[in-house]
Amino acid sequence: MTSDPSDSVKSVPDQTSSQSRWRIVGFLLGVILLAGAVFMVWHQRHAVTTALEAIRHPSPWLVMLLLASVAGNVIFTGLLFRVLLSRYGTVGWGEMQAVIASATLINYLPARPGLFSRIAYHRAVNRIRVIDSTKTVIQSALLSLFTAIYLIGAALFGGNHLVTIWVIVTSPVPLLIIGSFRTGWRIWCLAALIRYVEFFIWAVRYYAAFALIGFPLSPSSSLIFASVSILASLIPLVSNGLGIREWVVGLLAPVLTTLELSWGVTAELVNRAAELIVIMILGLLGMAWLVRHRRAIDPAQSPDQSP
């Protein structure tokens, strides 16, 4: 008995439609979780009065540190993907930064469209195959997973002993630097080093966010919050860990600190607000840069070009 070729053709759109529905469900779930986190903080507003007072009179240095660290995360993510994509094509430094910033902003929409638009852009402009771009996404996630496991273990083992933590967390750095000069290991070691540094920038973000509500974190707690938050952002159904990060950080707060759950959620909401501000600015600038870049390399797309 022969199969009808049209059946396989029909199954492709059906599968794509199913995946899109699941991504939209994931986005809605993230929005619901975020709304729940906001409601919980409002419901227990008397318990976080001190935190809210601290936010009303924030330290300018802490605000600058938080905003700068968010921007630093975007920059280092761009560096990471430029290194990983260098095996398959050429992407300019500024171009990669613009693509990552734009994609991060678009990812706040349902179904993570930023990821797919970035892959489509590399295919159309940089001539990088979809399968190759997809490989770099998986490789980036694996680097994040391994780094998070290592840093969480280091933080738990070192505890409050700063010298112990410093020795453990810095020991891979010289090895990665040396490996980045070896031909066979260069790309992998350089990519791992970039992602490793990015985790520390995330740790700075959490230190600043918690300090803004009046509770500076220890180095070990900052690393754990950063690592767990990044892992939460890897969950495929939700965009940028929307809603998930708020609850994960809130639930960890009583475990790692003396704060209640609502304080942890408040700190993450501060972090999220800073992220939205920076990503909005960088994303719009990135989109404008890409439009201008495309017109520069393809004048036929310019509206001023006569037919």
Protein backbone atom coordinates (compact mmCIF):
# COMPACT_ATOMS: atom_id res chain seq x y z
CA MET A 1 0.00 0.00 0.00
CA THR A 2 1.52 3.33 -1.07
CA SER A 3 1.29 6.46 0.99
CA ASP A 4 -0.11 9.68 -0.35
CA PRO A 5 2.69 12.28 -0.70
CA SER A 6 0.22 14.99 0.16
CA ASP A 7 -0.06 13.56 3.67
CA SER A 8 3.57 14.43 4.44
CA VAL A 9 3.12 17.86 2.93
CA LYS A 10 0.09 18.51 5.10
CA SER A 11 1.89 17.33 8.23
CA VAL A 12 4.53 20.08 7.95
CA PRO A 13 2.13 23.03 8.35
CA ASP A 14 0.21 21.10 10.99
CA GLN A 15 3.40 20.61 13.00
CA THR A 16 4.42 24.25 12.58
CA SER A 17 0.95 25.38 13.65
CA SER A 18 1.13 23.15 16.72
CA GLN A 19 4.53 24.56 17.70
CA SER A 20 3.24 28.12 17.27
CA ARG A 21 0.27 27.37 19.50
CA TRP A 22 2.54 25.98 22.21
CA ARG A 23 4.77 29.06 22.03
CA ILE A 24 1.74 31.34 22.39
CA VAL A 25 0.57 29.24 25.34
CA GLY A 26 4.03 29.63 26.87
CA PHE A 27 3.92 33.39 26.40
CA LEU A 28 0.48 33.61 28.00
CA LEU A 29 1.71 31.46 30.87
CA GLY A 30 4.65 33.82 31.36
CA VAL A 31 2.34 36.84 31.37
CA ILE A 32 0.06 35.17 33.93
CA LEU A 33 3.01 34.30 36.17
CA LEU A 34 4.34 37.86 35.88
CA ALA A 35 0.91 39.28 36.71
CA GLY A 36 0.71 36.90 39.66
CA ALA A 37 4.10 38.06 40.89
CA VAL A 38 3.04 41.71 40.66
CA PHE A 39 -0.24 40.96 42.46
CA MET A 40 1.58 39.06 45.21
CA VAL A 41 3.93 41.98 45.82
CA TRP A 42 0.97 44.40 45.87
CA HIS A 43 -1.00 42.12 48.19
CA GLN A 44 1.93 41.98 50.63
CA ARG A 45 2.91 45.60 50.08
CA HIS A 46 3.11 46.25 53.81
CA ALA A 47 5.83 43.61 54.10
CA VAL A 48 7.93 45.33 51.43
CA THR A 49 7.36 48.93 52.46
CA THR A 50 11.04 49.37 53.29
CA ALA A 51 12.03 48.00 49.91
CA LEU A 52 9.65 50.31 48.09
CA GLU A 53 10.95 53.28 50.11
CA ALA A 54 14.48 52.40 49.04
CA ILE A 55 13.39 52.31 45.41
CA ARG A 56 11.78 55.74 45.74
CA HIS A 57 15.17 57.13 46.75
CA PRO A 58 17.58 54.98 44.73
CA SER A 59 21.32 55.38 44.70
CA PRO A 60 22.31 56.83 41.30
CA TRP A 61 25.37 54.60 41.27
CA LEU A 62 23.31 51.46 41.80
CA VAL A 63 20.86 52.49 39.08
CA MET A 64 23.74 53.13 36.68
CA LEU A 65 25.32 49.80 37.64
CA LEU A 66 22.06 47.94 37.00
CA LEU A 67 21.40 49.60 33.65
CA ALA A 68 25.02 49.21 32.52
CA SER A 69 25.06 45.52 33.43
CA VAL A 70 21.89 44.91 31.38
CA ALA A 71 23.56 46.60 28.41
CA GLY A 72 26.68 44.55 29.09
CA ASN A 73 24.66 41.34 28.85
CA VAL A 74 23.37 42.34 25.41
CA ILE A 75 26.87 43.22 24.21
CA PHE A 76 28.43 39.97 25.43
CA THR A 77 25.60 37.92 23.94
CA GLY A 78 26.34 39.58 20.62
CA LEU A 79 30.03 38.76 20.99
CA LEU A 80 29.22 35.15 21.81
CA PHE A 81 27.05 34.57 18.75
CA ARG A 82 29.50 36.38 16.48
CA VAL A 83 32.21 33.95 17.60
CA LEU A 84 29.98 30.90 17.18
CA LEU A 85 28.73 32.05 13.77
CA SER A 86 32.24 32.81 12.50
CA ARG A 87 32.57 29.16 11.40
CA TYR A 88 29.68 29.55 8.99
CA GLY A 89 29.84 33.12 7.72
CA THR A 90 30.89 36.69 8.36
CA VAL A 91 28.83 38.99 10.56
CA GLY A 92 30.12 42.46 11.40
CA TRP A 93 30.55 43.44 15.05
CA GLY A 94 28.06 46.30 14.91
CA GLU A 95 25.70 44.23 12.78
CA MET A 96 25.70 41.38 15.30
CA GLN A 97 25.04 43.77 18.17
CA ALA A 98 22.12 45.29 16.28
CA VAL A 99 20.70 41.87 15.44
CA ILE A 100 20.91 40.63 19.05
CA ALA A 101 19.43 43.83 20.50
CA SER A 102 16.56 43.77 18.01
CA ALA A 103 15.89 40.07 18.52
CA THR A 104 15.91 40.42 22.31
CA LEU A 105 13.29 43.17 22.11
CA ILE A 106 11.13 41.23 19.65
CA ASN A 107 11.36 38.14 21.85
CA TYR A 108 9.04 39.83 24.33
CA LEU A 109 6.25 39.21 21.82
CA PRO A 110 4.43 35.84 21.80
CA ALA A 111 6.10 32.78 20.24
CA ARG A 112 9.69 34.13 20.59
CA PRO A 113 9.73 35.72 17.11
CA GLY A 114 13.10 37.35 17.80
CA LEU A 115 14.88 34.00 17.64
CA PHE A 116 13.37 33.09 14.28
CA SER A 117 13.80 36.57 12.83
CA ARG A 118 17.47 36.48 13.78
CA ILE A 119 17.95 33.12 12.07
CA ALA A 120 16.07 34.38 9.02
CA TYR A 121 18.20 37.54 8.92
CA HIS A 122 21.46 35.56 8.95
CA ARG A 123 20.12 33.37 6.16
CA ALA A 124 19.03 36.27 3.97
CA VAL A 125 21.86 38.74 4.64
CA ASN A 126 24.87 36.74 5.80
CA ARG A 127 24.13 33.60 3.77
CA ILE A 128 24.32 31.43 6.89
CA ARG A 129 22.19 28.31 6.68
CA VAL A 130 19.26 27.91 9.04
CA ILE A 131 20.70 24.65 10.39
CA ASP A 132 24.00 26.38 11.21
CA SER A 133 22.33 29.27 13.03
CA THR A 134 20.22 26.75 14.94
CA LYS A 135 23.39 24.92 15.98
CA THR A 136 24.77 28.09 17.55
CA VAL A 137 21.57 28.57 19.56
CA ILE A 138 21.89 25.05 20.96
CA GLN A 139 25.61 25.51 21.62
CA SER A 140 24.93 28.76 23.46
CA ALA A 141 22.32 27.04 25.63
CA LEU A 142 24.74 24.22 26.46
CA LEU A 143 27.46 26.71 27.41
CA SER A 144 24.95 28.43 29.71
CA LEU A 145 23.94 25.11 31.27
CA PHE A 146 27.49 23.97 31.99
CA THR A 147 28.54 27.39 33.28
CA ALA A 148 25.51 27.63 35.56
CA ILE A 149 26.16 24.19 37.05
CA TYR A 150 29.83 25.02 37.67
CA LEU A 151 29.17 28.42 39.27
CA ILE A 152 26.31 27.16 41.44
CA GLY A 153 28.58 24.37 42.67
CA ALA A 154 31.40 26.84 43.28
CA ALA A 155 29.12 29.20 45.21
CA LEU A 156 27.69 26.41 47.36
CA PHE A 157 31.13 24.94 48.06
CA GLY A 158 32.75 28.29 48.82
CA GLY A 159 29.90 29.63 50.93
CA ASN A 160 30.92 32.95 52.48
CA HIS A 161 34.66 32.29 52.15
CA LEU A 162 35.57 34.94 49.60
CA VAL A 163 39.08 33.60 48.96
CA THR A 164 37.75 30.09 48.26
CA ILE A 165 35.06 31.38 45.90
CA TRP A 166 37.55 33.65 44.14
CA VAL A 167 39.98 30.79 43.55
CA ILE A 168 37.30 28.41 42.27
CA VAL A 169 35.47 30.81 39.97
CA THR A 170 38.62 32.34 38.45
CA SER A 171 40.52 29.07 37.90
CA PRO A 172 38.90 28.31 34.49
CA VAL A 173 39.72 31.78 33.12
CA PRO A 174 43.48 31.26 32.47
CA LEU A 175 42.74 27.89 30.86
CA LEU A 176 40.13 29.42 28.55
CA ILE A 177 42.45 32.30 27.64
CA ILE A 178 45.29 29.88 26.79
CA GLY A 179 42.89 27.66 24.83
CA SER A 180 41.64 30.62 22.80
CA PHE A 181 45.11 30.90 21.25
CA ARG A 182 45.16 27.28 20.11
CA THR A 183 43.80 26.75 16.61
CA GLY A 184 41.67 23.69 17.33
CA TRP A 185 40.15 25.06 20.53
CA ARG A 186 40.07 28.78 19.77
CA ILE A 187 36.38 29.26 19.00
CA TRP A 188 35.10 27.02 21.80
CA CYS A 189 37.38 28.47 24.47
CA LEU A 190 36.68 32.04 23.37
CA ALA A 191 32.92 31.41 23.34
CA ALA A 192 33.07 29.77 26.78
CA LEU A 193 35.12 32.69 28.13
CA ILE A 194 32.61 35.23 26.81
CA ARG A 195 29.67 33.35 28.31
CA TYR A 196 31.58 32.93 31.58
CA VAL A 197 32.12 36.68 31.88
CA GLU A 198 28.48 37.26 30.99
CA PHE A 199 27.41 35.26 34.04
CA PHE A 200 29.41 37.61 36.26
CA ILE A 201 27.67 40.57 34.65
CA TRP A 202 24.36 38.91 35.54
CA ALA A 203 25.63 38.52 39.10
CA VAL A 204 26.32 42.26 39.18
CA ARG A 205 22.75 42.85 38.01
CA TYR A 206 21.35 40.92 40.93
CA TYR A 207 23.67 42.57 43.39
CA ALA A 208 22.48 45.98 42.17
CA ALA A 209 18.79 44.98 42.08
CA PHE A 210 18.82 43.65 45.64
CA ALA A 211 20.95 46.57 46.84
CA LEU A 212 18.35 48.96 45.45
CA ILE A 213 15.75 47.45 47.78
CA GLY A 214 18.19 47.76 50.67
CA PHE A 215 19.69 44.27 50.79
CA PRO A 216 23.08 43.85 49.03
CA LEU A 217 23.85 40.21 48.24
CA SER A 218 26.97 38.26 49.03
CA PRO A 219 29.13 37.17 46.05
CA SER A 220 27.97 33.55 46.36
CA SER A 221 24.29 34.51 46.47
CA SER A 222 24.73 36.85 43.50
CA LEU A 223 26.26 34.03 41.44
CA ILE A 224 23.49 31.60 42.38
CA PHE A 225 20.72 34.07 41.58
CA ALA A 226 22.39 34.87 38.25
CA SER A 227 22.90 31.23 37.30
CA VAL A 228 19.39 30.11 38.21
CA SER A 229 17.88 33.13 36.46
CA ILE A 230 19.75 32.34 33.24
CA LEU A 231 18.61 28.73 33.43
CA ALA A 232 15.02 29.96 33.82
CA SER A 233 15.49 32.10 30.70
CA LEU A 234 16.41 28.99 28.71
CA ILE A 235 12.93 27.49 29.13
CA PRO A 236 11.67 27.37 25.53
CA LEU A 237 7.97 28.07 26.15
CA VAL A 238 8.45 31.51 27.71
CA SER A 239 10.20 34.53 26.23
CA ASN A 240 13.14 35.93 28.19
CA GLY A 241 12.06 33.94 31.24
CA LEU A 242 9.00 36.19 31.57
CA GLY A 243 7.21 35.39 34.84
CA ILE A 244 9.43 32.38 35.53
CA ARG A 245 12.40 34.45 36.68
CA GLU A 246 10.26 36.47 39.05
CA TRP A 247 9.00 33.40 40.88
CA VAL A 248 12.32 31.53 40.82
CA VAL A 249 14.16 34.48 42.37
CA GLY A 250 11.33 34.99 44.86
CA LEU A 251 11.39 31.37 45.96
CA LEU A 252 15.18 31.40 46.27
CA ALA A 253 15.28 34.57 48.36
CA PRO A 254 14.27 32.90 51.67
CA VAL A 255 16.74 30.08 50.98
CA LEU A 256 19.79 32.20 50.17
CA THR A 257 19.00 35.27 52.27
CA THR A 258 16.94 36.35 55.26
CA LEU A 259 14.39 37.99 52.96
CA GLU A 260 10.84 36.84 52.36
CA LEU A 261 9.54 35.64 49.00
CA SER A 262 7.86 38.98 48.26
CA TRP A 263 11.17 40.81 48.65
CA GLY A 264 12.85 38.48 46.18
CA VAL A 265 10.06 39.03 43.66
CA THR A 266 10.36 42.78 44.20
CA ALA A 267 14.09 42.67 43.46
CA GLU A 268 13.45 40.70 40.27
CA LEU A 269 10.75 43.16 39.19
CA VAL A 270 13.31 45.95 39.63
CA ASN A 271 15.71 43.92 37.51
CA ARG A 272 13.02 43.30 34.89
CA ALA A 273 12.10 47.00 34.75
CA ALA A 274 15.73 47.94 34.12
CA GLU A 275 15.95 45.22 31.48
CA LEU A 276 12.86 46.49 29.66
CA ILE A 277 14.16 50.06 29.61
CA VAL A 278 17.58 49.11 28.25
CA ILE A 279 16.30 46.50 25.81
CA MET A 280 13.68 48.91 24.48
CA ILE A 281 16.33 51.55 23.77
CA LEU A 282 18.95 49.17 22.36
CA GLY A 283 16.37 47.18 20.40
CA LEU A 284 14.94 50.24 18.63
CA LEU A 285 18.45 51.54 17.92
CA GLY A 286 19.39 48.10 16.60
CA MET A 287 16.39 48.02 14.28
CA ALA A 288 17.19 51.48 12.95
CA TRP A 289 20.83 50.45 12.38
CA LEU A 290 19.82 47.31 10.50
CA VAL A 291 17.41 49.21 8.24
CA ARG A 292 20.14 51.71 7.43
CA HIS A 293 22.67 48.92 6.95
CA ARG A 294 20.39 47.07 4.53
CA ARG A 295 19.81 50.21 2.49
CA ALA A 296 23.55 50.82 2.35
CA ILE A 297 24.31 47.38 0.94
CA ASP A 298 21.17 47.26 -1.22
CA PRO A 299 20.29 50.80 -2.44
CA ALA A 300 17.31 49.39 -4.35
CA GLN A 301 15.47 49.04 -1.02
CA SER A 302 15.76 52.76 -0.26
CA PRO A 303 12.45 54.64 -0.62
CA ASP A 304 14.38 57.50 -2.24
CA GLN A 305 15.57 55.20 -5.02
CA SER A 306 13.59 55.81 -8.18
CA PRO A 307 12.28 52.65 -9.95
